[in-house]
C-alpha atoms as a PDB file:
ATOM      1  CA  MET A   1      94.351  95.053  70.654  1.00  0.00           C
ATOM      2  CA  ARG A   2      93.831  98.590  71.824  1.00  0.00           C
ATOM      3  CA  CYS A   3      96.720  98.406  74.262  1.00  0.00           C
ATOM      4  CA  ALA A   4      99.027  96.885  71.661  1.00  0.00           C
ATOM      5  CA  VAL A   5      98.214  99.655  69.197  1.00  0.00           C
ATOM      6  CA  LEU A   6      99.051 102.264  71.834  1.00  0.00           C
ATOM      7  CA  VAL A   7     102.449 100.737  72.497  1.00  0.00           C
ATOM      8  CA  VAL A   8     103.314 100.614  68.793  1.00  0.00           C
ATOM      9  CA  LEU A   9     102.197 104.154  68.080  1.00  0.00           C
ATOM     10  CA  CYS A  10     103.643 105.824  71.163  1.00  0.00           C
ATOM     11  CA  ALA A  11     107.073 105.765  69.566  1.00  0.00           C
ATOM     12  CA  CYS A  12     105.846 108.128  66.872  1.00  0.00           C
ATOM     13  CA  ASN A  13     105.220 111.593  68.258  1.00  0.00           C
ATOM     14  CA  PRO A  14     102.979 112.923  65.476  1.00  0.00           C
ATOM     15  CA  VAL A  15     100.410 110.157  65.944  1.00  0.00           C
ATOM     16  CA  PHE A  16      99.371 111.168  69.460  1.00  0.00           C
ATOM     17  CA  GLY A  17     100.891 114.607  69.496  1.00  0.00           C
ATOM     18  CA  LEU A  18     103.559 113.710  72.062  1.00  0.00           C
ATOM     19  CA  LYS A  19     105.211 116.822  73.437  1.00  0.00           C
ATOM     20  CA  PRO A  20     108.378 116.890  75.555  1.00  0.00           C
ATOM     21  CA  THR A  21     107.838 119.156  78.537  1.00  0.00           C
ATOM     22  CA  THR A  22     110.582 121.444  77.284  1.00  0.00           C
ATOM     23  CA  GLU A  23     108.307 122.559  74.430  1.00  0.00           C
ATOM     24  CA  GLU A  24     106.251 125.710  74.956  1.00  0.00           C
ATOM     25  CA  PRO A  25     102.554 124.838  75.505  1.00  0.00           C
ATOM     26  CA  PRO A  26      99.930 126.292  73.175  1.00  0.00           C
ATOM     27  CA  ILE A  27      98.174 129.465  74.300  1.00  0.00           C
ATOM     28  CA  ASP A  28      94.797 128.753  75.867  1.00  0.00           C
ATOM     29  CA  ALA A  29      92.340 131.648  76.014  1.00  0.00           C
ATOM     30  CA  GLN A  30      90.573 130.039  78.983  1.00  0.00           C
ATOM     31  CA  PHE A  31      93.767 130.478  81.008  1.00  0.00           C
ATOM     32  CA  PHE A  32      93.684 134.234  80.549  1.00  0.00           C
ATOM     33  CA  ASP A  33      89.953 134.442  81.257  1.00  0.00           C
ATOM     34  CA  ALA A  34      90.400 132.776  84.664  1.00  0.00           C
ATOM     35  CA  PRO A  35      91.627 134.559  87.797  1.00  0.00           C
ATOM     36  CA  ILE A  36      95.392 134.275  88.253  1.00  0.00           C
ATOM     37  CA  ASP A  37      95.029 132.277  91.454  1.00  0.00           C
ATOM     38  CA  ALA A  38      92.155 130.060  90.255  1.00  0.00           C
ATOM     39  CA  PRO A  39      93.283 126.456  90.891  1.00  0.00           C
ATOM     40  CA  PHE A  40      92.008 123.343  89.240  1.00  0.00           C
ATOM     41  CA  THR A  41      89.612 121.525  91.516  1.00  0.00           C
ATOM     42  CA  CYS A  42      88.837 117.841  91.819  1.00  0.00           C
ATOM     43  CA  TRP A  43      85.447 116.442  90.926  1.00  0.00           C
ATOM     44  CA  ALA A  44      82.827 116.056  93.637  1.00  0.00           C
ATOM     45  CA  PRO A  45      82.378 112.515  94.995  1.00  0.00           C
ATOM     46  CA  SER A  46      79.713 110.459  93.196  1.00  0.00           C
ATOM     47  CA  SER A  47      79.720 112.858  90.239  1.00  0.00           C
ATOM     48  CA  PRO A  48      81.154 111.914  86.832  1.00  0.00           C
ATOM     49  CA  PRO A  49      84.946 112.263  86.866  1.00  0.00           C
ATOM     50  CA  PRO A  50      86.546 114.753  84.471  1.00  0.00           C
ATOM     51  CA  THR A  51      87.664 113.673  81.031  1.00  0.00           C
ATOM     52  CA  PHE A  52      91.318 113.694  80.088  1.00  0.00           C
ATOM     53  CA  SER A  53      92.838 114.541  76.741  1.00  0.00           C
ATOM     54  CA  ARG A  54      94.202 111.733  74.564  1.00  0.00           C
ATOM     55  CA  ALA A  55      97.266 113.889  73.766  1.00  0.00           C
ATOM     56  CA  LEU A  56     100.259 112.374  75.553  1.00  0.00           C
ATOM     57  CA  HIS A  57     103.016 114.599  76.947  1.00  0.00           C
ATOM     58  CA  GLN A  58     106.331 112.796  77.250  1.00  0.00           C
ATOM     59  CA  LEU A  59     108.927 113.373  79.959  1.00  0.00           C
ATOM     60  CA  ILE A  60     112.466 113.169  78.639  1.00  0.00           C
ATOM     61  CA  GLN A  61     114.505 110.888  80.897  1.00  0.00           C
ATOM     62  CA  PRO A  62     117.848 109.184  80.269  1.00  0.00           C
ATOM     63  CA  GLU A  63     116.672 105.945  81.918  1.00  0.00           C
ATOM     64  CA  ARG A  64     113.608 103.708  81.640  1.00  0.00           C
ATOM     65  CA  CYS A  65     111.344 104.953  84.435  1.00  0.00           C
ATOM     66  CA  SER A  66     107.974 104.035  85.948  1.00  0.00           C
ATOM     67  CA  GLU A  67     105.998 104.485  89.203  1.00  0.00           C
ATOM     68  CA  TYR A  68     106.281 108.273  88.906  1.00  0.00           C
ATOM     69  CA  THR A  69     104.766 110.150  91.863  1.00  0.00           C
ATOM     70  CA  ILE A  70     105.093 113.792  92.878  1.00  0.00           C
ATOM     71  CA  ALA A  71     104.681 116.124  95.865  1.00  0.00           C
ATOM     72  CA  GLY A  72     105.156 119.864  95.555  1.00  0.00           C
ATOM     73  CA  ASP A  73     107.952 120.445  93.045  1.00  0.00           C
ATOM     74  CA  ARG A  74     109.672 117.066  93.620  1.00  0.00           C
ATOM     75  CA  ALA A  75     109.192 113.715  91.924  1.00  0.00           C
ATOM     76  CA  ALA A  76     110.342 110.141  92.554  1.00  0.00           C
ATOM     77  CA  ALA A  77     110.296 107.086  90.316  1.00  0.00           C
ATOM     78  CA  THR A  78     111.734 103.638  89.740  1.00  0.00           C
ATOM     79  CA  CYS A  79     114.280 103.713  86.897  1.00  0.00           C
ATOM     80  CA  LEU A  80     116.365 101.068  85.155  1.00  0.00           C
ATOM     81  CA  ALA A  81     119.996 102.022  84.583  1.00  0.00           C
ATOM     82  CA  THR A  82     122.903  99.753  83.620  1.00  0.00           C
ATOM     83  CA  GLY A  83     120.731  96.698  84.172  1.00  0.00           C
ATOM     84  CA  GLN A  84     119.660  97.603  87.709  1.00  0.00           C
ATOM     85  CA  TYR A  85     116.479  99.144  89.081  1.00  0.00           C
ATOM     86  CA  ARG A  86     117.098 102.116  91.369  1.00  0.00           C
ATOM     87  CA  ILE A  87     114.963 104.784  93.034  1.00  0.00           C
ATOM     88  CA  TYR A  88     115.398 108.205  91.457  1.00  0.00           C
ATOM     89  CA  GLN A  89     114.319 111.752  92.338  1.00  0.00           C
ATOM     90  CA  GLY A  90     114.264 115.224  90.790  1.00  0.00           C
ATOM     91  CA  VAL A  91     112.142 118.229  89.979  1.00  0.00           C
ATOM     92  CA  VAL A  92     108.686 117.597  88.558  1.00  0.00           C
ATOM     93  CA  ASP A  93     108.850 117.023  84.777  1.00  0.00           C
ATOM     94  CA  GLY A  94     112.643 117.417  84.905  1.00  0.00           C
ATOM     95  CA  PRO A  95     115.685 115.122  84.956  1.00  0.00           C
ATOM     96  CA  LEU A  96     115.925 112.473  87.672  1.00  0.00           C
ATOM     97  CA  THR A  97     119.012 111.213  89.523  1.00  0.00           C
ATOM     98  CA  PRO A  98     119.507 108.188  91.821  1.00  0.00           C
ATOM     99  CA  ILE A  99     118.939 108.362  95.572  1.00  0.00           C
ATOM    100  CA  ALA A 100     122.151 106.777  96.846  1.00  0.00           C
ATOM    101  CA  THR A 101     120.767 105.963 100.309  1.00  0.00           C
ATOM    102  CA  LEU A 102     118.047 103.857  98.673  1.00  0.00           C
ATOM    103  CA  ASP A 103     120.310 101.692  96.545  1.00  0.00           C
ATOM    104  CA  ASP A 104     120.022  97.967  97.154  1.00  0.00           C
ATOM    105  CA  THR A 105     122.355  96.414  99.705  1.00  0.00           C
ATOM    106  CA  PRO A 106     123.582  92.798  99.989  1.00  0.00           C
ATOM    107  CA  GLN A 107     120.775  92.262 102.511  1.00  0.00           C
ATOM    108  CA  ASP A 108     117.837  94.321 101.207  1.00  0.00           C
ATOM    109  CA  ARG A 109     116.086  95.561  98.095  1.00  0.00           C
ATOM    110  CA  PHE A 110     114.240  98.914  98.010  1.00  0.00           C
ATOM    111  CA  GLU A 111     111.295  99.373  95.644  1.00  0.00           C
ATOM    112  CA  HIS A 112     107.911 100.998  94.964  1.00  0.00           C
ATOM    113  CA  PRO A 113     108.702 104.632  95.914  1.00  0.00           C
ATOM    114  CA  ARG A 114     105.594 106.635  96.862  1.00  0.00           C
ATOM    115  CA  MET A 115     105.849 110.363  97.618  1.00  0.00           C
ATOM    116  CA  ALA A 116     103.756 111.593 100.558  1.00  0.00           C
ATOM    117  CA  PRO A 117     101.638 114.569  99.414  1.00  0.00           C
ATOM    118  CA  GLU A 118     103.070 117.081 101.935  1.00  0.00           C
ATOM    119  CA  GLY A 119     106.536 116.558 100.433  1.00  0.00           C
ATOM    120  CA  GLY A 120     109.828 115.631 102.056  1.00  0.00           C
ATOM    121  CA  LEU A 121     108.632 112.116 102.913  1.00  0.00           C
ATOM    122  CA  LEU A 122     109.000 109.038 100.721  1.00  0.00           C
ATOM    123  CA  PHE A 123     107.533 105.591 101.461  1.00  0.00           C
ATOM    124  CA  VAL A 124     109.338 102.568  99.997  1.00  0.00           C
ATOM    125  CA  ARG A 125     109.051  98.820 100.323  1.00  0.00           C
ATOM    126  CA  LYS A 126     112.093  97.171 101.902  1.00  0.00           C
ATOM    127  CA  VAL A 127     112.360  93.515 100.908  1.00  0.00           C
ATOM    128  CA  PRO A 128     114.932  91.101 102.389  1.00  0.00           C
ATOM    129  CA  LYS A 129     116.904  89.223  99.771  1.00  0.00           C
ATOM    130  CA  LEU A 130     116.805  85.436  99.655  1.00  0.00           C
ATOM    131  CA  GLY A 131     118.493  83.790 102.594  1.00  0.00           C
ATOM    132  CA  THR A 132     117.709  86.582 105.057  1.00  0.00           C
ATOM    133  CA  SER A 133     115.047  86.500 107.743  1.00  0.00           C
ATOM    134  CA  PRO A 134     113.739  90.059 108.409  1.00  0.00           C
ATOM    135  CA  PRO A 135     110.177  90.676 107.205  1.00  0.00           C
ATOM    136  CA  THR A 136     109.100  92.867 104.309  1.00  0.00           C
ATOM    137  CA  THR A 137     108.368  96.365 105.631  1.00  0.00           C
ATOM    138  CA  ILE A 138     107.293  99.842 104.581  1.00  0.00           C
ATOM    139  CA  VAL A 139     110.006 102.361 105.468  1.00  0.00           C
ATOM    140  CA  ALA A 140     109.517 106.130 105.388  1.00  0.00           C
ATOM    141  CA  TYR A 141     112.486 108.290 104.384  1.00  0.00           C
ATOM    142  CA  ARG A 142     112.731 112.027 105.054  1.00  0.00           C
ATOM    143  CA  SER A 143     114.682 114.539 102.963  1.00  0.00           C
ATOM    144  CA  ASN A 144     116.641 117.635 103.987  1.00  0.00           C
ATOM    145  CA  ALA A 145     117.101 120.923 102.148  1.00  0.00           C
ATOM    146  CA  SER A 146     119.721 119.295  99.903  1.00  0.00           C
ATOM    147  CA  HIS A 147     117.269 116.508  98.985  1.00  0.00           C
ATOM    148  CA  ASP A 148     119.316 113.858 100.770  1.00  0.00           C
ATOM    149  CA  TRP A 149     117.178 111.098 102.252  1.00  0.00           C
ATOM    150  CA  SER A 150     117.530 109.317 105.592  1.00  0.00           C
ATOM    151  CA  PRO A 151     115.259 106.844 107.441  1.00  0.00           C
ATOM    152  CA  ALA A 152     112.419 108.490 109.374  1.00  0.00           C
ATOM    153  CA  PHE A 153     110.492 105.457 110.678  1.00  0.00           C
ATOM    154  CA  THR A 154     109.551 101.889 109.839  1.00  0.00           C
ATOM    155  CA  VAL A 155     105.858 101.103 109.558  1.00  0.00           C
ATOM    156  CA  THR A 156     104.653  98.361 111.896  1.00  0.00           C
ATOM    157  CA  PRO A 157     103.374  95.696 111.681  1.00  0.00           C
ATOM    158  CA  SER A 158     105.298  94.368 108.687  1.00  0.00           C
ATOM    159  CA  LEU A 159     103.833  93.469 105.295  1.00  0.00           C
ATOM    160  CA  GLY A 160     103.202  90.077 103.804  1.00  0.00           C
ATOM    161  CA  TYR A 161     105.976  89.191 101.350  1.00  0.00           C
ATOM    162  CA  SER A 162     103.746  89.743  98.282  1.00  0.00           C
ATOM    163  CA  GLU A 163     101.960  92.888  99.524  1.00  0.00           C
ATOM    164  CA  THR A 164     102.427  96.236  97.780  1.00  0.00           C
ATOM    165  CA  PHE A 165     100.872  99.656  98.351  1.00  0.00           C
ATOM    166  CA  GLY A 166      99.853 102.933  96.736  1.00  0.00           C
ATOM    167  CA  THR A 167     100.561 106.571  97.535  1.00  0.00           C
ATOM    168  CA  PRO A 168      99.298 107.683 100.960  1.00  0.00           C
ATOM    169  CA  SER A 169      97.067 110.597 101.888  1.00  0.00           C
ATOM    170  CA  LEU A 170      98.171 113.497 104.093  1.00  0.00           C
ATOM    171  CA  GLY A 171      99.286 112.953 107.692  1.00  0.00           C
ATOM    172  CA  PRO A 172      99.296 112.945 110.630  1.00  0.00           C
ATOM    173  CA  LYS A 173      96.942 109.964 110.358  1.00  0.00           C
ATOM    174  CA  ARG A 174      97.393 109.090 106.723  1.00  0.00           C
ATOM    175  CA  ARG A 175      95.468 106.475 104.801  1.00  0.00           C
ATOM    176  CA  MET A 176      97.082 103.969 102.434  1.00  0.00           C
ATOM    177  CA  MET A 177      95.749 101.105 100.291  1.00  0.00           C
ATOM    178  CA  ILE A 178      97.565  97.763 100.436  1.00  0.00           C
ATOM    179  CA  VAL A 179      97.056  94.881  97.990  1.00  0.00           C
ATOM    180  CA  GLY A 180      98.369  91.341  97.755  1.00  0.00           C
ATOM    181  CA  GLY A 181      97.050  89.983 101.053  1.00  0.00           C
ATOM    182  CA  PRO A 182      94.101  87.677 101.772  1.00  0.00           C
ATOM    183  CA  SER A 183      91.539  90.305 100.673  1.00  0.00           C
ATOM    184  CA  ILE A 184      91.388  92.160  97.351  1.00  0.00           C
ATOM    185  CA  MET A 185      92.590  95.317  99.092  1.00  0.00           C
ATOM    186  CA  ARG A 186      92.857  96.717 102.591  1.00  0.00           C
ATOM    187  CA  GLU A 187      92.785 100.305 103.750  1.00  0.00           C
ATOM    188  CA  VAL A 188      95.122 101.217 106.594  1.00  0.00           C
ATOM    189  CA  GLU A 189      95.845 104.270 108.711  1.00  0.00           C
ATOM    190  CA  ILE A 190      99.467 105.125 109.550  1.00  0.00           C
ATOM    191  CA  ASP A 191     100.262 107.600 112.320  1.00  0.00           C
ATOM    192  CA  ASP A 192     103.402 109.742 112.573  1.00  0.00           C
ATOM    193  CA  ALA A 193     105.123 107.086 114.680  1.00  0.00           C
ATOM    194  CA  GLY A 194     104.618 104.531 111.897  1.00  0.00           C
ATOM    195  CA  THR A 195     101.943 102.422 113.612  1.00  0.00           C
ATOM    196  CA  MET A 196      99.623 100.912 111.000  1.00  0.00           C
ATOM    197  CA  THR A 197      95.997 100.033 111.755  1.00  0.00           C
ATOM    198  CA  THR A 198      93.654  98.278 109.334  1.00  0.00           C
ATOM    199  CA  ILE A 199      90.518 100.380 108.779  1.00  0.00           C
ATOM    200  CA  ARG A 200      88.615  98.454 106.136  1.00  0.00           C
ATOM    201  CA  LEU A 201      88.882  95.326 103.991  1.00  0.00           C
ATOM    202  CA  TYR A 202      87.705  95.382 100.376  1.00  0.00           C
ATOM    203  CA  ASP A 203      86.488  92.310  98.536  1.00  0.00           C
ATOM    204  CA  SER A 204      83.957  91.518  95.822  1.00  0.00           C
ATOM    205  CA  THR A 205      81.074  92.268  98.235  1.00  0.00           C
ATOM    206  CA  ASN A 206      81.977  95.964  98.657  1.00  0.00           C
ATOM    207  CA  PHE A 207      84.203  96.703  95.639  1.00  0.00           C
ATOM    208  CA  PRO A 208      83.506  95.869  91.978  1.00  0.00           C
ATOM    209  CA  PHE A 209      86.756  93.965  91.327  1.00  0.00           C
ATOM    210  CA  ASN A 210      87.716  90.340  91.722  1.00  0.00           C
ATOM    211  CA  GLY A 211      91.289  90.877  90.526  1.00  0.00           C
ATOM    212  CA  LEU A 212      93.930  92.683  92.558  1.00  0.00           C
ATOM    213  CA  PRO A 213      94.027  96.427  91.942  1.00  0.00           C
ATOM    214  CA  ILE A 214      97.474  97.683  90.909  1.00  0.00           C
ATOM    215  CA  ALA A 215      98.973 100.909  92.312  1.00  0.00           C
ATOM    216  CA  PRO A 216      95.867 102.116  94.208  1.00  0.00           C
ATOM    217  CA  ASN A 217      97.171 105.674  94.608  1.00  0.00           C
ATOM    218  CA  LEU A 218      95.226 107.951  96.958  1.00  0.00           C
ATOM    219  CA  SER A 219      94.662 111.690  96.638  1.00  0.00           C
ATOM    220  CA  PRO A 220      95.990 113.877  99.501  1.00  0.00           C
ATOM    221  CA  ASP A 221      92.534 114.080 101.120  1.00  0.00           C
ATOM    222  CA  GLY A 222      92.054 110.315 100.830  1.00  0.00           C
ATOM    223  CA  LEU A 223      88.739 110.782  99.008  1.00  0.00           C
ATOM    224  CA  ARG A 224      89.884 109.808  95.510  1.00  0.00           C
ATOM    225  CA  MET A 225      91.968 107.019  94.057  1.00  0.00           C
ATOM    226  CA  THR A 226      93.263 105.876  90.681  1.00  0.00           C
ATOM    227  CA  THR A 227      94.041 102.235  89.980  1.00  0.00           C
ATOM    228  CA  TYR A 228      94.368  99.610  87.269  1.00  0.00           C
ATOM    229  CA  ALA A 229      91.954  96.830  88.207  1.00  0.00           C
ATOM    230  CA  GLY A 230      90.087  93.895  86.746  1.00  0.00           C
ATOM    231  CA  ILE A 231      86.727  92.196  86.681  1.00  0.00           C
ATOM    232  CA  ASN A 232      86.929  88.576  85.523  1.00  0.00           C
ATOM    233  CA  ASN A 233      90.439  89.230  84.157  1.00  0.00           C
ATOM    234  CA  LEU A 234      89.262  92.210  82.087  1.00  0.00           C
ATOM    235  CA  TYR A 235      91.448  95.059  83.290  1.00  0.00           C
ATOM    236  CA  ALA A 236      90.864  98.785  82.811  1.00  0.00           C
ATOM    237  CA  MET A 237      91.720 102.164  84.311  1.00  0.00           C
ATOM    238  CA  TYR A 238      89.442 103.281  87.151  1.00  0.00           C
ATOM    239  CA  VAL A 239      88.971 106.258  89.403  1.00  0.00           C
ATOM    240  CA  ALA A 240      87.248 105.779  92.740  1.00  0.00           C
ATOM    241  CA  ASP A 241      85.839 108.284  95.179  1.00  0.00           C
ATOM    242  CA  ARG A 242      83.869 108.697  98.399  1.00  0.00           C
ATOM    243  CA  ALA A 243      82.310 111.564 100.361  1.00  0.00           C
ATOM    244  CA  SER A 244      84.247 110.965 103.609  1.00  0.00           C
ATOM    245  CA  LEU A 245      86.995 108.780 105.037  1.00  0.00           C
ATOM    246  CA  ASP A 246      84.522 106.646 106.976  1.00  0.00           C
ATOM    247  CA  GLN A 247      82.921 105.411 103.743  1.00  0.00           C
ATOM    248  CA  PRO A 248      84.153 102.758 101.298  1.00  0.00           C
ATOM    249  CA  PHE A 249      85.144 103.669  97.744  1.00  0.00           C
ATOM    250  CA  THR A 250      82.978 103.339  94.660  1.00  0.00           C
ATOM    251  CA  ALA A 251      84.716 103.095  91.294  1.00  0.00           C
ATOM    252  CA  GLN A 252      84.126 104.262  87.724  1.00  0.00           C
ATOM    253  CA  LYS A 253      85.981 103.264  84.564  1.00  0.00           C
ATOM    254  CA  ILE A 254      87.755 106.068  82.694  1.00  0.00           C
ATOM    255  CA  ASP A 255      88.812 106.218  79.060  1.00  0.00           C
ATOM    256  CA  LEU A 256      92.602 106.138  79.351  1.00  0.00           C
ATOM    257  CA  PRO A 257      95.320 103.733  78.174  1.00  0.00           C
ATOM    258  CA  LEU A 258      95.695 100.493  80.088  1.00  0.00           C
ATOM    259  CA  VAL A 259      98.547 101.373  82.434  1.00  0.00           C
ATOM    260  CA  TYR A 260      99.453  99.971  85.810  1.00  0.00           C
ATOM    261  CA  ASP A 261     101.058 102.962  87.572  1.00  0.00           C
ATOM    262  CA  SER A 262      98.714 105.941  87.144  1.00  0.00           C
ATOM    263  CA  PHE A 263      99.192 108.897  89.498  1.00  0.00           C
ATOM    264  CA  LEU A 264      96.622 111.702  89.810  1.00  0.00           C
ATOM    265  CA  THR A 265      98.009 115.123  90.776  1.00  0.00           C
ATOM    266  CA  ARG A 266      96.752 117.003  93.810  1.00  0.00           C
ATOM    267  CA  ASP A 267      94.576 119.349  91.702  1.00  0.00           C
ATOM    268  CA  CYS A 268      93.213 116.434  89.619  1.00  0.00           C
ATOM    269  CA  ASN A 269      94.525 118.171  86.491  1.00  0.00           C
ATOM    270  CA  ARG A 270      97.051 115.557  85.337  1.00  0.00           C
ATOM    271  CA  ILE A 271      97.509 111.815  85.370  1.00  0.00           C
ATOM    272  CA  TYR A 272     101.089 110.538  85.072  1.00  0.00           C
ATOM    273  CA  PHE A 273     101.860 106.983  83.919  1.00  0.00           C
ATOM    274  CA  SER A 274     104.489 104.956  82.098  1.00  0.00           C
ATOM    275  CA  VAL A 275     104.351 102.774  78.991  1.00  0.00           C
ATOM    276  CA  THR A 276     106.191  99.577  79.870  1.00  0.00           C
ATOM    277  CA  ASP A 277     107.581  98.727  76.434  1.00  0.00           C
ATOM    278  CA  LEU A 278     109.024 102.230  76.059  1.00  0.00           C
ATOM    279  CA  GLY A 279     110.104 102.755  79.663  1.00  0.00           C
ATOM    280  CA  THR A 280     108.937 106.330  79.351  1.00  0.00           C
ATOM    281  CA  VAL A 281     106.777 108.496  81.609  1.00  0.00           C
ATOM    282  CA  PHE A 282     103.889 110.460  80.103  1.00  0.00           C
ATOM    283  CA  PHE A 283     101.099 112.630  81.421  1.00  0.00           C
ATOM    284  CA  VAL A 284      97.660 113.593  80.150  1.00  0.00           C
ATOM    285  CA  GLU A 285      95.740 116.711  81.129  1.00  0.00           C
ATOM    286  CA  ARG A 286      92.107 117.481  81.813  1.00  0.00           C
ATOM    287  CA  GLU A 287      89.990 118.720  78.977  1.00  0.00           C
END
């Protein structure tokens, strides 16, 4: 019921105080009290995660978009335009436009764009269309100064047909979480040549979920993760953390809408997500 109420009310800005990003933000005295270069910092592992405001800030986009991820001042997302899903890019919180080199071809479909945190690198899933034999793979694309994208490398080995993945951590040996295989989730390491090595398997013995996590997006340091996951078919929003990369994650539920594509910014100040029925991207900020 709670999720249904959210979807109904999101269309009415005054209810949740939705604010397009073009609107000037309110003045916050705490901002002026802090040093100019004082950044937001992420919570320490094993400590309570920060709370996020229930005020939703809406991004104004001409298309129905989801899977919004960012790196630096650039963003990527999956958007529906003229009846077709395409991968889009643009400035953070600004308009998005299609990436022509990632349009579907007669042989392949490109989906699930995930920005690498250092910027200029985008991981996508390349899926062969019916009647073709190549395997499903993760392909990394690199951009130039004009924000044109070209293939950088293909991750090997290939994925299972139903496997998906979240945003990676920083390179050169980046971590990534993959779901949809024989275990609930697996953690892999991908080097700069694209070679993928499984580091750890997660199942109900070392992770509190028995349903597949959705969009397990990692922080740049690989020590934090947001995901939409379930226990006995009861799904909720979770954050997970750990003290070092050689440890498994522990997870805590957070009080946010039930969304499947949450993305936590590098400074842990914002969480971006979409509302499926509206096809609109929102973000919430730390309190």
